[in-house]
C-alpha cells in the first residue's frame, strides 16, 4: 500500500486495463425522459458523468430541460456511479466537486454523537446549510445535534438519479437550503426483475466491501396501477490505521525558532511518539523536580520483565515533562495506533416501495414506504486507556489514588528485575506511564432504524394545471452502545493488591466481595476474564428524530402570453420536527465510567424539543420573447417562501432570475436569492458540557508566542500580570465548555449566480457551462475550536480581536487559560465565491462512441468574518478548501464493451491558510493530487452485464501529515479528516454483475 512499492504484476494488469478501459459507466441508458431537440440517453452529463444531453429535471417545482435552468444543476444516475464502484449516495455525490464531505466512513469515527452517519457539505459552508429531499419532499434528520440528513437512512435500490442545485434553492425547497439542495429521485415504474451484486477488495487484501441490490415492478389493473419494490444490503469491513501507516507525523513547535521571519520553520514535522502511550510500562528517573528533560533524565521500559534503557540517541524530547512528546523513539512507544481505525465496520440494509393507481383518468393516488437499518462499529471517543504520572486526571479524584500506576516494593506483582533495580537505585516507588493495548478496545456501536411512509393524491385541475396533496412521516432511531468501558473505582480497586493466603487479591474487602479481580499492570498479557467481568461496563444511549410533513400544491401553465405559457407552482407545507435524546438511565454507572486520557466519561444531558413550521410558497417562470432575432428565448422567473416557526421569528426567502438565449447555442443565465436560516435544535438547545484538559496550546506560551508578529503585543494586552511568555506546557487543568446557545438569532444569506451555457451547432454533442457564484451569510451560527478562538484573539493586527477574546478566560493571577467558551455563537459572517465549469462532449469514433464529461469548481474565496467591519480570514487555497477540484470522466463504447476512466483532481494547497508565512510550517504546501479509477463493462447478453474495475490505479494516498486534523500541534487521532478529502484505502479492485429478467 502507501508504505510499500507497487506490486508489479497487479500494476501491470491495472495499467494495461487502463489503456484499454476508458469509460464503463455508460453502457446502460437512463430511463428518464430526454428533451426533444437533443438526442441522447444520459442525464449525468451535467456532473461530468455522461453524455451531453438534457433531461427533464426537478431542481425546482417547475420541471424543465436541465440546460434551461437559471440555476446550476448537476445530475448523475446511480447506474453511472455504481459502474465506478460508488454504491452509496454519499460516494455518488462526492463526484460533484461542489460537494464537500460532511461526515462519512473515513472521518466520523470518534464523533461525540454522530459516528457512522453520512452527510454532505455543499460549498464547504456547513452541513446544516445543505438540504436533502427525496422526490421533492423533506427527509427526516438523522443526527443527535444536527439538522443534516443522514444519507445512510435513504434506501438506495430504487434511486434513479440525484440532482444537485447549488444556487437559489432556499425559496424552492426551504430556508435551510442556503448553499443548495440535493433532490434524490426514485424510480416509479419498472418491469421484470433486476439484480446487481458488487464486491471488491483492496490491493493489500483488506478493506473488503460488498453490495447487493434487487428491484422489481409490475403494472396491474389494466395499466392503471404500478408497483415497484427494491431492497439493498451492503457490508463494509473495518480498516486499521496500522494497515496503511506505521508513522504518525505531526507538527510540533520548533525549539530553534526565534521568530516568524528568521528563516527557521516555526513548526516542524516530527515522527510522533509519546512514552506515556507505550505498550510497556515506561518510567524516567534522575530527573529534576520530577520532570525528565532533554539534558537530565533517562527513560526506561519494562519489556517482558526486563528493564531496557532507551538510548537518548534514538529520540529528541521536544517538550519537557513526564508525558513529553518525543521525535522518534522506539516502536514500543507507539501503542496508541494499535486499535485506531481509518474506517469502521458497517452494514446497511434497506427497502423501498412505491404504489400508484389511477383512480380516475384525472386523479392518481400514490403511496410510498421505506425502511433502512444501519450498523456501525468504530472507535469510541478515545481508543484505549492509559496512565501517566500526572495527578490531575481521573485516577486522582475523590481521594482515591493520586497518580497513575506506581511501582512499590510491597506490590505482589512487582517483577524481581524491577525490584532489584529499585533497590540498587535507592528507590521506594516509581511512577509509570503506560498505554494499555492489552485491555479490550472500547467500541461505540450505532444501530439506526429509519422508517418513512407517506401518501399523496393528485391529478389534472384544468388541463394545464395539476394539483397534489401529500403527507409524509419519517423517523430515525439510533440505539448506541459503548462497550468495554472501564469503571474508575473498579480500576483503582483492581490495581491496589495484596497477598492473602498466598494469592494476589484486591486489598479492599468490600471490593473483593463485589467481585474485584486483581490487575497486573506490569504485563502486556490480556487481563483475566474475572477482571473484565468486574471492571468493564456498557453504556446505552438513544436518539430519536421524527418529522411529519403535509401540504398541497398546484403547478403547470397558468395562462398564455404571446411567446409562451406562464408556468407556476404554488403551495403550502406544514411540518413538525422532534428530537429526543437520552443517555444511559444508570447515572451511577456513568459517573463511574472513565474515558482515557484521564477524563470521566462525559454525560450527554437529555435534549427534547419540538418545532412546528408552516410555509407558503410560490414560483413562476414568465416567457418574454421567443424565436426572434437576438431573442431565441428570453424568460424571467421568481420564487418566494414565507415561513412561520413555533420557536423562532418568521422569515421570508426569495429568488429572482432569468435566462436569455440571444442566438441558438448561447444562453446567459443568472439568479439572485435571499434566505433566512433559523438555528437547529443542537445549535440552540444542546446542554452545556465541559471537559478538563491536561494542558492547552496557549498562543501566549513560550515557543508559540513567536509564531505570529502580533502575538507578543496582544498577549501583553490581554494576559493579566504579564511578565513574558507563559510556561509551556501549562498544567493548570484548563476547561473547555461547548454546547448550544438559546440566545442565537437566525442567519441571513444572499447568493448570486451568473453564467453562460454554450451548445454550438458546429460541434454537435458538445455543451459547456460556466457559472460564477457568490454566497454571503451574515449572523453565522458556528462553534469554533477552542484553539481557533485563542489564536484568533491574539493574532489580530491593531490589537486583540475582542470578537474572539471574549470567549477566552484567564486566571487573574497566573494569566494562564482558565476556561474557553467554545459554544455556538452568532459570528459576523461567511463568504464563499467561485466558478463552476461543466463540459461534455460526445463524438463517434470509428464504430464506437467517445464521451467526455468534466465538472470542476475553482474557489476564489472562503472567508470567515469574526465581526462586522473586519476583513475576516480567507481560507481558500488551504488543503480542506482547495482552489480547484475537478472530475473528468472519459468513456468509449464499442458494441458490447464500454471502457472508462474517472479522474479526480485536487489542486496544490497550503497546509494552513492562516499561517503567518511559508516558514510557519516546515512543509507549507501540499502537492496537487490526481487519482484515476478505471472500469470495463461487458454486455454479455441482453440479460447479463459484467463490470471489472480498479479504483485509485496508482495507489495514491493522502499527504502523510493529513492523517489528522491540523488544528493544533497535538492533533486528535480519532478524526482522520484528511482522509475524507483524499483516498486512504488505496488501489481497490471490484467486480459487478447485473442481471435483468
Foldseek 3Di string as FASTA:
>chain_A
DVVDDDDVVLLVVFVVQQVVFAFPLPPDFAPFDFDPPFDDGDCQQLLFQDFDTWGFDPQFVDTDTQVQDLFRKGKDFQSSCVLQVRNFPQSVVVSFVQKFWDDAQQFQFLPQWDRHFGFIQGNVPDQQLEAEEEPLHGAADDTQQGRHRRRLFDFRQFFTMKMKTQPDCCLGRHQSNQGTYIYTYGDFADAFKKKKKKWWAFPLRFFIKIKIKIKHKDADPVRQKIKIKMKMKMWTAWAAPVVFDLFAKFWDADPVDDFQPPPFFRTEIFRKFWQLAFAFWKFKDQDPPQKDAQPGIWMWTQDPNAIDTWDSVQWHFRDIGQGTIIRGTDSRRVNQRPAATSGWTKMKMKMKMKMKGDPDPFKMKIKMKMKMKMKTKHAHNGWFEKFFAQQPFPCNPPPQDRGGDKDALQDPLRRPNVNVVCVVVVHGMTTTRHTQPLQDTKMKMKIKMKIKIKMKMKGDDPVFKIKMKMKMKMKMKIKIKIWFWFFSVLVSQQAQWHADPNDIAGPDPVLVVVQRHHDNNRDNHHDDPSSSVSTIDMWIKMKMKMKMKIKMKMWGFDQADPAGTKTKMWMKMKMKIKMWIDIGPPVVRQQGTADPPRGRPWDFDIFIDMKIKMKIKMKIKAWDDDDDQQAPTKIKMKMKMWMDMPQAHTDIKMKIKIKGDGDPFKIKIKMKIKRKAFDDRFQAPGDKTKDWDQFDDFCQAPSNVSQAPQQFVQLVVQFAPDDGRAYPTDGPRAMEIETHHNPQHIKMKMKMKIKMKGQDPVAHRKIKIKMKMKMKIFQDKDFDDQLCLNCQQRRDPPYGDCLSVVQFDADNPRRHTRYGYRYIGRFGIWMWIWMKMWMWGWDDDPQKIKIKIKIKIFTDFTFDHRHPPDPGFTFEQAPSRDRMWMWMKMWMDHVQKIRHKIKIKTAKGFPTSPGNDCSNYPHGIGHIDMFMKIKMWGCPDPFKIKMKIKGRSVQDAFDSNQQFDNDDSDTSNRGSPSCSVTPHSGIMIMMMMMGTD
